[in-house]
Amino acid sequence: MPWTITRLCIDCVDTGCVSVCPVDCIYEYVGDDNENFPNMLYIHPDECIDCGACEPECPWQAIFEEPAVPEVFKDDIELNHRTVDQSEVFKVKTFETKEHPTPEQVAENKVKWGWTEG
């Protein structure tokens, strides 16, 4: 099963996951429909080999194995799957060094998107 990047990545776009992906299946949206495709990264589900290397590299804790995506983020599964049919507006994201968030910033981001672990 593929992995899914959730909306916890919106406007964070840390590329640590990109640097470890052995098959380059992590994409950025390059089209102009930002209402339907927010500024985040996306995993192409048909290219993902389910290695899980990306998940521990995400400092925002935004990546989940598809069956484990929290209920509040279930719509993000379909959002990632839309990379298949609309590949012309996605390109493999290049790695960029970014400062990692603090634990407090990660917690605030989760609250912002309505997720409370538990």
PDB file of N, CA and C in Angstrom:
ATOM      1  N   MET A   1       0.840  -1.188   0.000  1.00  0.00           N
ATOM      2  CA  MET A   1       0.000   0.000   0.000  1.00  0.00           C
ATOM      3  C   MET A   1       0.879   1.244   0.000  1.00  0.00           C
ATOM      4  N   PRO A   2       0.465   2.232  -0.741  1.00  0.00           N
ATOM      5  CA  PRO A   2       1.281   3.450  -0.807  1.00  0.00           C
ATOM      6  C   PRO A   2       1.173   4.278   0.468  1.00  0.00           C
ATOM      7  N   TRP A   3       2.072   5.204   0.579  1.00  0.00           N
ATOM      8  CA  TRP A   3       2.062   6.168   1.658  1.00  0.00           C
ATOM      9  C   TRP A   3       1.348   7.415   1.166  1.00  0.00           C
ATOM     10  N   THR A   4       0.853   8.221   2.102  1.00  0.00           N
ATOM     11  CA  THR A   4       0.081   9.418   1.774  1.00  0.00           C
ATOM     12  C   THR A   4       0.650  10.607   2.530  1.00  0.00           C
ATOM     13  N   ILE A   5       0.821  11.703   1.821  1.00  0.00           N
ATOM     14  CA  ILE A   5       1.192  12.954   2.478  1.00  0.00           C
ATOM     15  C   ILE A   5      -0.109  13.697   2.758  1.00  0.00           C
ATOM     16  N   THR A   6      -0.295  14.100   4.000  1.00  0.00           N
ATOM     17  CA  THR A   6      -1.528  14.764   4.410  1.00  0.00           C
ATOM     18  C   THR A   6      -1.358  16.277   4.431  1.00  0.00           C
ATOM     19  N   ARG A   7      -2.467  16.953   4.678  1.00  0.00           N
ATOM     20  CA  ARG A   7      -2.467  18.424   4.692  1.00  0.00           C
ATOM     21  C   ARG A   7      -1.596  19.004   5.793  1.00  0.00           C
ATOM     22  N   LEU A   8      -1.057  18.178   6.681  1.00  0.00           N
ATOM     23  CA  LEU A   8      -0.085  18.688   7.652  1.00  0.00           C
ATOM     24  C   LEU A   8       1.152  19.244   6.942  1.00  0.00           C
ATOM     25  N   CYS A   9       1.307  18.912   5.675  1.00  0.00           N
ATOM     26  CA  CYS A   9       2.426  19.396   4.860  1.00  0.00           C
ATOM     27  C   CYS A   9       2.147  20.762   4.226  1.00  0.00           C
ATOM     28  N   ILE A  10       0.895  21.200   4.210  1.00  0.00           N
ATOM     29  CA  ILE A  10       0.558  22.450   3.525  1.00  0.00           C
ATOM     30  C   ILE A  10       1.413  23.603   4.040  1.00  0.00           C
ATOM     31  N   ASP A  11       2.039  24.279   3.111  1.00  0.00           N
ATOM     32  CA  ASP A  11       2.913  25.426   3.344  1.00  0.00           C
ATOM     33  C   ASP A  11       4.159  25.104   4.164  1.00  0.00           C
ATOM     34  N   CYS A  12       4.338  23.849   4.531  1.00  0.00           N
ATOM     35  CA  CYS A  12       5.555  23.440   5.246  1.00  0.00           C
ATOM     36  C   CYS A  12       6.581  22.940   4.234  1.00  0.00           C
ATOM     37  N   VAL A  13       6.160  22.007   3.414  1.00  0.00           N
ATOM     38  CA  VAL A  13       6.905  21.490   2.275  1.00  0.00           C
ATOM     39  C   VAL A  13       8.384  21.220   2.590  1.00  0.00           C
ATOM     40  N   ASP A  14       8.630  20.507   3.669  1.00  0.00           N
ATOM     41  CA  ASP A  14       9.987  20.079   3.962  1.00  0.00           C
ATOM     42  C   ASP A  14      10.316  18.937   3.005  1.00  0.00           C
ATOM     43  N   THR A  15      11.505  18.940   2.439  1.00  0.00           N
ATOM     44  CA  THR A  15      11.842  17.956   1.421  1.00  0.00           C
ATOM     45  C   THR A  15      12.741  16.831   1.928  1.00  0.00           C
ATOM     46  N   GLY A  16      12.789  16.635   3.225  1.00  0.00           N
ATOM     47  CA  GLY A  16      13.553  15.510   3.754  1.00  0.00           C
ATOM     48  C   GLY A  16      13.067  14.190   3.170  1.00  0.00           C
ATOM     49  N   CYS A  17      11.761  14.086   2.974  1.00  0.00           N
ATOM     50  CA  CYS A  17      11.178  12.866   2.400  1.00  0.00           C
ATOM     51  C   CYS A  17      11.671  12.652   0.974  1.00  0.00           C
ATOM     52  N   VAL A  18      11.831  13.726   0.231  1.00  0.00           N
ATOM     53  CA  VAL A  18      12.283  13.650  -1.159  1.00  0.00           C
ATOM     54  C   VAL A  18      13.693  13.075  -1.216  1.00  0.00           C
ATOM     55  N   SER A  19      14.530  13.495  -0.282  1.00  0.00           N
ATOM     56  CA  SER A  19      15.938  13.083  -0.315  1.00  0.00           C
ATOM     57  C   SER A  19      16.133  11.590  -0.091  1.00  0.00           C
ATOM     58  N   VAL A  20      15.174  10.920   0.535  1.00  0.00           N
ATOM     59  CA  VAL A  20      15.333   9.492   0.828  1.00  0.00           C
ATOM     60  C   VAL A  20      14.477   8.585  -0.049  1.00  0.00           C
ATOM     61  N   CYS A  21      13.629   9.139  -0.867  1.00  0.00           N
ATOM     62  CA  CYS A  21      12.748   8.321  -1.703  1.00  0.00           C
ATOM     63  C   CYS A  21      13.573   7.639  -2.805  1.00  0.00           C
ATOM     64  N   PRO A  22      13.610   6.303  -2.805  1.00  0.00           N
ATOM     65  CA  PRO A  22      14.443   5.612  -3.793  1.00  0.00           C
ATOM     66  C   PRO A  22      13.856   5.583  -5.205  1.00  0.00           C
ATOM     67  N   VAL A  23      12.583   5.949  -5.356  1.00  0.00           N
ATOM     68  CA  VAL A  23      11.956   5.881  -6.677  1.00  0.00           C
ATOM     69  C   VAL A  23      11.444   7.231  -7.179  1.00  0.00           C
ATOM     70  N   ASP A  24      11.764   8.302  -6.484  1.00  0.00           N
ATOM     71  CA  ASP A  24      11.355   9.651  -6.896  1.00  0.00           C
ATOM     72  C   ASP A  24       9.858   9.745  -7.162  1.00  0.00           C
ATOM     73  N   CYS A  25       9.063   9.322  -6.182  1.00  0.00           N
ATOM     74  CA  CYS A  25       7.602   9.358  -6.356  1.00  0.00           C
ATOM     75  C   CYS A  25       6.941  10.479  -5.567  1.00  0.00           C
ATOM     76  N   ILE A  26       7.735  11.418  -5.069  1.00  0.00           N
ATOM     77  CA  ILE A  26       7.185  12.538  -4.309  1.00  0.00           C
ATOM     78  C   ILE A  26       7.219  13.783  -5.194  1.00  0.00           C
ATOM     79  N   TYR A  27       6.051  14.349  -5.378  1.00  0.00           N
ATOM     80  CA  TYR A  27       5.862  15.416  -6.357  1.00  0.00           C
ATOM     81  C   TYR A  27       5.392  16.713  -5.720  1.00  0.00           C
ATOM     82  N   GLU A  28       5.599  17.784  -6.477  1.00  0.00           N
ATOM     83  CA  GLU A  28       5.007  19.070  -6.152  1.00  0.00           C
ATOM     84  C   GLU A  28       4.046  19.423  -7.279  1.00  0.00           C
ATOM     85  N   TYR A  29       3.019  20.158  -6.938  1.00  0.00           N
ATOM     86  CA  TYR A  29       2.048  20.617  -7.924  1.00  0.00           C
ATOM     87  C   TYR A  29       2.589  21.875  -8.579  1.00  0.00           C
ATOM     88  N   VAL A  30       2.567  21.928  -9.900  1.00  0.00           N
ATOM     89  CA  VAL A  30       3.108  23.086 -10.615  1.00  0.00           C
ATOM     90  C   VAL A  30       2.047  23.780 -11.468  1.00  0.00           C
ATOM     91  N   GLY A  31       0.799  23.391 -11.304  1.00  0.00           N
ATOM     92  CA  GLY A  31      -0.288  24.029 -12.035  1.00  0.00           C
ATOM     93  C   GLY A  31      -0.762  25.279 -11.325  1.00  0.00           C
ATOM     94  N   ASP A  32      -1.904  25.798 -11.749  1.00  0.00           N
ATOM     95  CA  ASP A  32      -2.411  27.032 -11.152  1.00  0.00           C
ATOM     96  C   ASP A  32      -3.743  26.854 -10.423  1.00  0.00           C
ATOM     97  N   ASP A  33      -4.145  25.630 -10.147  1.00  0.00           N
ATOM     98  CA  ASP A  33      -5.383  25.359  -9.412  1.00  0.00           C
ATOM     99  C   ASP A  33      -5.068  25.149  -7.931  1.00  0.00           C
ATOM    100  N   ASN A  34      -4.619  26.210  -7.275  1.00  0.00           N
ATOM    101  CA  ASN A  34      -4.204  26.095  -5.873  1.00  0.00           C
ATOM    102  C   ASN A  34      -5.363  25.867  -4.919  1.00  0.00           C
ATOM    103  N   GLU A  35      -6.568  26.080  -5.373  1.00  0.00           N
ATOM    104  CA  GLU A  35      -7.725  25.798  -4.528  1.00  0.00           C
ATOM    105  C   GLU A  35      -7.908  24.289  -4.346  1.00  0.00           C
ATOM    106  N   ASN A  36      -7.672  23.542  -5.417  1.00  0.00           N
ATOM    107  CA  ASN A  36      -7.825  22.090  -5.352  1.00  0.00           C
ATOM    108  C   ASN A  36      -6.530  21.353  -5.050  1.00  0.00           C
ATOM    109  N   PHE A  37      -5.409  22.002  -5.270  1.00  0.00           N
ATOM    110  CA  PHE A  37      -4.108  21.407  -4.997  1.00  0.00           C
ATOM    111  C   PHE A  37      -3.285  22.384  -4.159  1.00  0.00           C
ATOM    112  N   PRO A  38      -3.373  22.271  -2.848  1.00  0.00           N
ATOM    113  CA  PRO A  38      -2.642  23.206  -1.983  1.00  0.00           C
ATOM    114  C   PRO A  38      -1.124  23.032  -2.090  1.00  0.00           C
ATOM    115  N   ASN A  39      -0.412  23.990  -1.555  1.00  0.00           N
ATOM    116  CA  ASN A  39       1.042  24.003  -1.546  1.00  0.00           C
ATOM    117  C   ASN A  39       1.557  22.962  -0.560  1.00  0.00           C
ATOM    118  N   MET A  40       1.695  21.751  -1.057  1.00  0.00           N
ATOM    119  CA  MET A  40       2.198  20.638  -0.255  1.00  0.00           C
ATOM    120  C   MET A  40       2.835  19.635  -1.204  1.00  0.00           C
ATOM    121  N   LEU A  41       3.398  18.585  -0.665  1.00  0.00           N
ATOM    122  CA  LEU A  41       3.956  17.524  -1.491  1.00  0.00           C
ATOM    123  C   LEU A  41       2.929  16.402  -1.619  1.00  0.00           C
ATOM    124  N   TYR A  42       3.106  15.583  -2.663  1.00  0.00           N
ATOM    125  CA  TYR A  42       2.169  14.510  -2.974  1.00  0.00           C
ATOM    126  C   TYR A  42       2.947  13.244  -3.325  1.00  0.00           C
ATOM    127  N   ILE A  43       2.448  12.104  -2.893  1.00  0.00           N
ATOM    128  CA  ILE A  43       3.056  10.823  -3.257  1.00  0.00           C
ATOM    129  C   ILE A  43       2.213  10.182  -4.349  1.00  0.00           C
ATOM    130  N   HIS A  44       2.860   9.842  -5.445  1.00  0.00           N
ATOM    131  CA  HIS A  44       2.192   9.169  -6.558  1.00  0.00           C
ATOM    132  C   HIS A  44       1.978   7.707  -6.132  1.00  0.00           C
ATOM    133  N   PRO A  45       0.729   7.284  -5.946  1.00  0.00           N
ATOM    134  CA  PRO A  45       0.473   5.961  -5.376  1.00  0.00           C
ATOM    135  C   PRO A  45       0.900   4.792  -6.261  1.00  0.00           C
ATOM    136  N   ASP A  46       0.926   4.979  -7.567  1.00  0.00           N
ATOM    137  CA  ASP A  46       1.330   3.888  -8.449  1.00  0.00           C
ATOM    138  C   ASP A  46       2.843   3.738  -8.526  1.00  0.00           C
ATOM    139  N   GLU A  47       3.558   4.768  -8.140  1.00  0.00           N
ATOM    140  CA  GLU A  47       5.016   4.714  -8.166  1.00  0.00           C
ATOM    141  C   GLU A  47       5.610   4.348  -6.812  1.00  0.00           C
ATOM    142  N   CYS A  48       4.866   4.586  -5.753  1.00  0.00           N
ATOM    143  CA  CYS A  48       5.334   4.298  -4.392  1.00  0.00           C
ATOM    144  C   CYS A  48       5.547   2.792  -4.239  1.00  0.00           C
ATOM    145  N   ILE A  49       6.716   2.409  -3.723  1.00  0.00           N
ATOM    146  CA  ILE A  49       7.020   0.991  -3.537  1.00  0.00           C
ATOM    147  C   ILE A  49       6.815   0.553  -2.088  1.00  0.00           C
ATOM    148  N   ASP A  50       6.186   1.414  -1.292  1.00  0.00           N
ATOM    149  CA  ASP A  50       5.842   1.092   0.082  1.00  0.00           C
ATOM    150  C   ASP A  50       7.061   0.795   0.963  1.00  0.00           C
ATOM    151  N   CYS A  51       8.139   1.514   0.708  1.00  0.00           N
ATOM    152  CA  CYS A  51       9.334   1.279   1.520  1.00  0.00           C
ATOM    153  C   CYS A  51       9.255   1.986   2.872  1.00  0.00           C
ATOM    154  N   GLY A  52       8.491   3.074   2.938  1.00  0.00           N
ATOM    155  CA  GLY A  52       8.330   3.798   4.191  1.00  0.00           C
ATOM    156  C   GLY A  52       9.489   4.693   4.568  1.00  0.00           C
ATOM    157  N   ALA A  53      10.470   4.845   3.697  1.00  0.00           N
ATOM    158  CA  ALA A  53      11.637   5.668   4.023  1.00  0.00           C
ATOM    159  C   ALA A  53      11.265   7.126   4.260  1.00  0.00           C
ATOM    160  N   CYS A  54      10.211   7.587   3.625  1.00  0.00           N
ATOM    161  CA  CYS A  54       9.814   8.994   3.719  1.00  0.00           C
ATOM    162  C   CYS A  54       9.249   9.373   5.087  1.00  0.00           C
ATOM    163  N   GLU A  55       8.519   8.483   5.685  1.00  0.00           N
ATOM    164  CA  GLU A  55       7.764   8.805   6.909  1.00  0.00           C
ATOM    165  C   GLU A  55       8.636   9.342   8.045  1.00  0.00           C
ATOM    166  N   PRO A  56       9.725   8.665   8.410  1.00  0.00           N
ATOM    167  CA  PRO A  56      10.517   9.207   9.533  1.00  0.00           C
ATOM    168  C   PRO A  56      11.274  10.485   9.191  1.00  0.00           C
ATOM    169  N   GLU A  57      11.393  10.809   7.908  1.00  0.00           N
ATOM    170  CA  GLU A  57      12.115  12.011   7.497  1.00  0.00           C
ATOM    171  C   GLU A  57      11.254  13.266   7.530  1.00  0.00           C
ATOM    172  N   CYS A  58       9.941  13.115   7.703  1.00  0.00           N
ATOM    173  CA  CYS A  58       9.052  14.273   7.697  1.00  0.00           C
ATOM    174  C   CYS A  58       8.992  14.898   9.093  1.00  0.00           C
ATOM    175  N   PRO A  59       9.573  16.082   9.271  1.00  0.00           N
ATOM    176  CA  PRO A  59       9.573  16.695  10.593  1.00  0.00           C
ATOM    177  C   PRO A  59       8.185  17.178  11.018  1.00  0.00           C
ATOM    178  N   TRP A  60       7.249  17.274  10.060  1.00  0.00           N
ATOM    179  CA  TRP A  60       5.886  17.726  10.356  1.00  0.00           C
ATOM    180  C   TRP A  60       4.954  16.563  10.669  1.00  0.00           C
ATOM    181  N   GLN A  61       5.465  15.332  10.591  1.00  0.00           N
ATOM    182  CA  GLN A  61       4.683  14.127  10.871  1.00  0.00           C
ATOM    183  C   GLN A  61       3.440  14.069   9.981  1.00  0.00           C
ATOM    184  N   ALA A  62       3.630  14.402   8.713  1.00  0.00           N
ATOM    185  CA  ALA A  62       2.526  14.520   7.761  1.00  0.00           C
ATOM    186  C   ALA A  62       2.327  13.284   6.899  1.00  0.00           C
ATOM    187  N   ILE A  63       3.178  12.274   7.018  1.00  0.00           N
ATOM    188  CA  ILE A  63       3.130  11.117   6.122  1.00  0.00           C
ATOM    189  C   ILE A  63       2.652   9.881   6.873  1.00  0.00           C
ATOM    190  N   PHE A  64       1.695   9.198   6.253  1.00  0.00           N
ATOM    191  CA  PHE A  64       1.113   7.989   6.852  1.00  0.00           C
ATOM    192  C   PHE A  64       0.970   6.902   5.794  1.00  0.00           C
ATOM    193  N   GLU A  65       1.086   5.647   6.226  1.00  0.00           N
ATOM    194  CA  GLU A  65       0.731   4.556   5.337  1.00  0.00           C
ATOM    195  C   GLU A  65      -0.768   4.665   5.094  1.00  0.00           C
ATOM    196  N   GLU A  66      -1.194   4.441   3.871  1.00  0.00           N
ATOM    197  CA  GLU A  66      -2.581   4.719   3.489  1.00  0.00           C
ATOM    198  C   GLU A  66      -3.630   4.186   4.476  1.00  0.00           C
ATOM    199  N   PRO A  67      -3.535   2.931   4.940  1.00  0.00           N
ATOM    200  CA  PRO A  67      -4.572   2.455   5.871  1.00  0.00           C
ATOM    201  C   PRO A  67      -4.532   3.145   7.239  1.00  0.00           C
ATOM    202  N   ALA A  68      -3.425   3.779   7.563  1.00  0.00           N
ATOM    203  CA  ALA A  68      -3.272   4.406   8.879  1.00  0.00           C
ATOM    204  C   ALA A  68      -3.519   5.910   8.868  1.00  0.00           C
ATOM    205  N   VAL A  69      -3.950   6.456   7.738  1.00  0.00           N
ATOM    206  CA  VAL A  69      -4.217   7.895   7.675  1.00  0.00           C
ATOM    207  C   VAL A  69      -5.335   8.212   8.668  1.00  0.00           C
ATOM    208  N   PRO A  70      -5.110   9.167   9.578  1.00  0.00           N
ATOM    209  CA  PRO A  70      -6.156   9.530  10.535  1.00  0.00           C
ATOM    210  C   PRO A  70      -7.441   9.975   9.824  1.00  0.00           C
ATOM    211  N   GLU A  71      -8.557   9.701  10.434  1.00  0.00           N
ATOM    212  CA  GLU A  71      -9.867   9.993   9.839  1.00  0.00           C
ATOM    213  C   GLU A  71      -9.965  11.434   9.338  1.00  0.00           C
ATOM    214  N   VAL A  72      -9.442  12.380  10.095  1.00  0.00           N
ATOM    215  CA  VAL A  72      -9.546  13.793   9.729  1.00  0.00           C
ATOM    216  C   VAL A  72      -8.810  14.102   8.414  1.00  0.00           C
ATOM    217  N   PHE A  73      -7.900  13.215   7.993  1.00  0.00           N
ATOM    218  CA  PHE A  73      -7.117  13.432   6.780  1.00  0.00           C
ATOM    219  C   PHE A  73      -7.460  12.460   5.652  1.00  0.00           C
ATOM    220  N   LYS A  74      -8.535  11.710   5.778  1.00  0.00           N
ATOM    221  CA  LYS A  74      -8.886  10.690   4.774  1.00  0.00           C
ATOM    222  C   LYS A  74      -9.020  11.272   3.371  1.00  0.00           C
ATOM    223  N   ASP A  75      -9.485  12.518   3.230  1.00  0.00           N
ATOM    224  CA  ASP A  75      -9.611  13.145   1.909  1.00  0.00           C
ATOM    225  C   ASP A  75      -8.251  13.308   1.224  1.00  0.00           C
ATOM    226  N   ASP A  76      -7.199  13.340   2.012  1.00  0.00           N
ATOM    227  CA  ASP A  76      -5.870  13.525   1.442  1.00  0.00           C
ATOM    228  C   ASP A  76      -5.392  12.293   0.676  1.00  0.00           C
ATOM    229  N   ILE A  77      -5.979  11.143   0.955  1.00  0.00           N
ATOM    230  CA  ILE A  77      -5.639   9.943   0.184  1.00  0.00           C
ATOM    231  C   ILE A  77      -6.012  10.175  -1.273  1.00  0.00           C
ATOM    232  N   GLU A  78      -7.251  10.591  -1.506  1.00  0.00           N
ATOM    233  CA  GLU A  78      -7.713  10.861  -2.869  1.00  0.00           C
ATOM    234  C   GLU A  78      -6.911  11.998  -3.502  1.00  0.00           C
ATOM    235  N   LEU A  79      -6.551  12.988  -2.720  1.00  0.00           N
ATOM    236  CA  LEU A  79      -5.760  14.101  -3.240  1.00  0.00           C
ATOM    237  C   LEU A  79      -4.430  13.593  -3.794  1.00  0.00           C
ATOM    238  N   ASN A  80      -3.774  12.709  -3.069  1.00  0.00           N
ATOM    239  CA  ASN A  80      -2.523  12.124  -3.555  1.00  0.00           C
ATOM    240  C   ASN A  80      -2.770  11.270  -4.797  1.00  0.00           C
ATOM    241  N   HIS A  81      -3.882  10.553  -4.827  1.00  0.00           N
ATOM    242  CA  HIS A  81      -4.195   9.689  -5.968  1.00  0.00           C
ATOM    243  C   HIS A  81      -4.460  10.497  -7.241  1.00  0.00           C
ATOM    244  N   ARG A  82      -4.823  11.743  -7.107  1.00  0.00           N
ATOM    245  CA  ARG A  82      -5.090  12.576  -8.285  1.00  0.00           C
ATOM    246  C   ARG A  82      -3.818  12.873  -9.079  1.00  0.00           C
ATOM    247  N   THR A  83      -2.652  12.568  -8.507  1.00  0.00           N
ATOM    248  CA  THR A  83      -1.406  12.741  -9.254  1.00  0.00           C
ATOM    249  C   THR A  83      -1.349  11.784 -10.444  1.00  0.00           C
ATOM    250  N   VAL A  84      -2.069  10.678 -10.364  1.00  0.00           N
ATOM    251  CA  VAL A  84      -2.049   9.676 -11.434  1.00  0.00           C
ATOM    252  C   VAL A  84      -2.680  10.232 -12.707  1.00  0.00           C
ATOM    253  N   ASP A  85      -3.878  10.788 -12.584  1.00  0.00           N
ATOM    254  CA  ASP A  85      -4.615  11.270 -13.754  1.00  0.00           C
ATOM    255  C   ASP A  85      -4.187  12.655 -14.231  1.00  0.00           C
ATOM    256  N   GLN A  86      -3.463  13.370 -13.390  1.00  0.00           N
ATOM    257  CA  GLN A  86      -3.092  14.741 -13.749  1.00  0.00           C
ATOM    258  C   GLN A  86      -1.574  14.931 -13.704  1.00  0.00           C
ATOM    259  N   SER A  87      -0.862  13.933 -14.148  1.00  0.00           N
ATOM    260  CA  SER A  87       0.599  13.942 -14.041  1.00  0.00           C
ATOM    261  C   SER A  87       1.264  15.127 -14.750  1.00  0.00           C
ATOM    262  N   GLU A  88       0.584  15.709 -15.734  1.00  0.00           N
ATOM    263  CA  GLU A  88       1.178  16.827 -16.473  1.00  0.00           C
ATOM    264  C   GLU A  88       1.355  18.080 -15.615  1.00  0.00           C
ATOM    265  N   VAL A  89       0.680  18.167 -14.478  1.00  0.00           N
ATOM    266  CA  VAL A  89       0.808  19.342 -13.616  1.00  0.00           C
ATOM    267  C   VAL A  89       1.572  19.028 -12.324  1.00  0.00           C
ATOM    268  N   PHE A  90       2.305  17.929 -12.337  1.00  0.00           N
ATOM    269  CA  PHE A  90       3.134  17.555 -11.195  1.00  0.00           C
ATOM    270  C   PHE A  90       4.550  17.295 -11.682  1.00  0.00           C
ATOM    271  N   LYS A  91       5.529  17.656 -10.858  1.00  0.00           N
ATOM    272  CA  LYS A  91       6.915  17.302 -11.177  1.00  0.00           C
ATOM    273  C   LYS A  91       7.581  16.833  -9.893  1.00  0.00           C
ATOM    274  N   VAL A  92       8.578  15.984 -10.067  1.00  0.00           N
ATOM    275  CA  VAL A  92       9.313  15.478  -8.915  1.00  0.00           C
ATOM    276  C   VAL A  92       9.940  16.667  -8.206  1.00  0.00           C
ATOM    277  N   LYS A  93       9.734  16.727  -6.918  1.00  0.00           N
ATOM    278  CA  LYS A  93      10.261  17.836  -6.122  1.00  0.00           C
ATOM    279  C   LYS A  93      11.756  17.643  -5.912  1.00  0.00           C
ATOM    280  N   THR A  94      12.498  18.721  -6.028  1.00  0.00           N
ATOM    281  CA  THR A  94      13.923  18.658  -5.742  1.00  0.00           C
ATOM    282  C   THR A  94      14.153  18.924  -4.259  1.00  0.00           C
ATOM    283  N   PHE A  95      15.226  18.362  -3.746  1.00  0.00           N
ATOM    284  CA  PHE A  95      15.560  18.530  -2.331  1.00  0.00           C
ATOM    285  C   PHE A  95      16.056  19.945  -2.073  1.00  0.00           C
ATOM    286  N   GLU A  96      15.568  20.531  -0.999  1.00  0.00           N
ATOM    287  CA  GLU A  96      16.009  21.849  -0.542  1.00  0.00           C
ATOM    288  C   GLU A  96      16.223  21.768   0.965  1.00  0.00           C
ATOM    289  N   THR A  97      17.306  22.306   1.444  1.00  0.00           N
ATOM    290  CA  THR A  97      17.560  22.320   2.874  1.00  0.00           C
ATOM    291  C   THR A  97      16.658  23.349   3.540  1.00  0.00           C
ATOM    292  N   LYS A  98      15.952  22.928   4.574  1.00  0.00           N
ATOM    293  CA  LYS A  98      15.072  23.823   5.325  1.00  0.00           C
ATOM    294  C   LYS A  98      15.304  23.615   6.811  1.00  0.00           C
ATOM    295  N   GLU A  99      15.039  24.644   7.567  1.00  0.00           N
ATOM    296  CA  GLU A  99      15.112  24.517   9.015  1.00  0.00           C
ATOM    297  C   GLU A  99      13.919  23.697   9.494  1.00  0.00           C
ATOM    298  N   HIS A 100      14.173  22.736  10.355  1.00  0.00           N
ATOM    299  CA  HIS A 100      13.090  21.896  10.859  1.00  0.00           C
ATOM    300  C   HIS A 100      12.262  22.631  11.905  1.00  0.00           C
ATOM    301  N   PRO A 101      10.990  22.279  12.002  1.00  0.00           N
ATOM    302  CA  PRO A 101      10.123  22.931  12.987  1.00  0.00           C
ATOM    303  C   PRO A 101      10.436  22.460  14.398  1.00  0.00           C
ATOM    304  N   THR A 102      10.024  23.259  15.347  1.00  0.00           N
ATOM    305  CA  THR A 102      10.144  22.857  16.745  1.00  0.00           C
ATOM    306  C   THR A 102       8.988  21.911  17.069  1.00  0.00           C
ATOM    307  N   PRO A 103       9.088  21.144  18.146  1.00  0.00           N
ATOM    308  CA  PRO A 103       7.956  20.300  18.555  1.00  0.00           C
ATOM    309  C   PRO A 103       6.681  21.120  18.774  1.00  0.00           C
ATOM    310  N   GLU A 104       6.834  22.341  19.256  1.00  0.00           N
ATOM    311  CA  GLU A 104       5.675  23.204  19.475  1.00  0.00           C
ATOM    312  C   GLU A 104       5.010  23.580  18.144  1.00  0.00           C
ATOM    313  N   GLN A 105       5.815  23.858  17.134  1.00  0.00           N
ATOM    314  CA  GLN A 105       5.263  24.187  15.816  1.00  0.00           C
ATOM    315  C   GLN A 105       4.533  22.990  15.208  1.00  0.00           C
ATOM    316  N   VAL A 106       5.085  21.803  15.396  1.00  0.00           N
ATOM    317  CA  VAL A 106       4.433  20.590  14.893  1.00  0.00           C
ATOM    318  C   VAL A 106       3.087  20.409  15.589  1.00  0.00           C
ATOM    319  N   ALA A 107       3.064  20.581  16.899  1.00  0.00           N
ATOM    320  CA  ALA A 107       1.821  20.444  17.667  1.00  0.00           C
ATOM    321  C   ALA A 107       0.794  21.490  17.232  1.00  0.00           C
ATOM    322  N   GLU A 108       1.218  22.722  17.040  1.00  0.00           N
ATOM    323  CA  GLU A 108       0.308  23.784  16.589  1.00  0.00           C
ATOM    324  C   GLU A 108      -0.259  23.482  15.212  1.00  0.00           C
ATOM    325  N   ASN A 109       0.562  22.933  14.326  1.00  0.00           N
ATOM    326  CA  ASN A 109       0.105  22.587  12.984  1.00  0.00           C
ATOM    327  C   ASN A 109      -0.966  21.494  13.036  1.00  0.00           C
ATOM    328  N   LYS A 110      -0.789  20.524  13.913  1.00  0.00           N
ATOM    329  CA  LYS A 110      -1.784  19.453  14.057  1.00  0.00           C
ATOM    330  C   LYS A 110      -3.113  20.023  14.540  1.00  0.00           C
ATOM    331  N   VAL A 111      -3.055  20.912  15.511  1.00  0.00           N
ATOM    332  CA  VAL A 111      -4.275  21.534  16.023  1.00  0.00           C
ATOM    333  C   VAL A 111      -4.939  22.357  14.922  1.00  0.00           C
ATOM    334  N   LYS A 112      -4.138  23.092  14.166  1.00  0.00           N
ATOM    335  CA  LYS A 112      -4.653  23.914  13.066  1.00  0.00           C
ATOM    336  C   LYS A 112      -5.495  23.083  12.100  1.00  0.00           C
ATOM    337  N   TRP A 113      -5.065  21.863  11.813  1.00  0.00           N
ATOM    338  CA  TRP A 113      -5.762  20.998  10.862  1.00  0.00           C
ATOM    339  C   TRP A 113      -6.744  20.031  11.532  1.00  0.00           C
ATOM    340  N   GLY A 114      -6.983  20.215  12.834  1.00  0.00           N
ATOM    341  CA  GLY A 114      -8.029  19.469  13.511  1.00  0.00           C
ATOM    342  C   GLY A 114      -7.675  18.056  13.926  1.00  0.00           C
ATOM    343  N   TRP A 115      -6.383  17.780  14.082  1.00  0.00           N
ATOM    344  CA  TRP A 115      -5.994  16.423  14.467  1.00  0.00           C
ATOM    345  C   TRP A 115      -5.467  16.402  15.887  1.00  0.00           C
ATOM    346  N   THR A 116      -6.089  15.612  16.685  1.00  0.00           N
ATOM    347  CA  THR A 116      -5.574  15.347  18.017  1.00  0.00           C
ATOM    348  C   THR A 116      -5.299  13.860  18.077  1.00  0.00           C
ATOM    349  N   GLU A 117      -4.056  13.533  18.321  1.00  0.00           N
ATOM    350  CA  GLU A 117      -3.665  12.122  18.354  1.00  0.00           C
ATOM    351  C   GLU A 117      -4.342  11.449  19.532  1.00  0.00           C
ATOM    352  N   GLY A 118      -4.627  10.186  19.336  1.00  0.00           N
ATOM    353  CA  GLY A 118      -5.192   9.489  20.469  1.00  0.00           C
ATOM    354  C   GLY A 118      -5.872   8.277  20.172  1.00  0.00           C
TER     355      GLY A 118
END
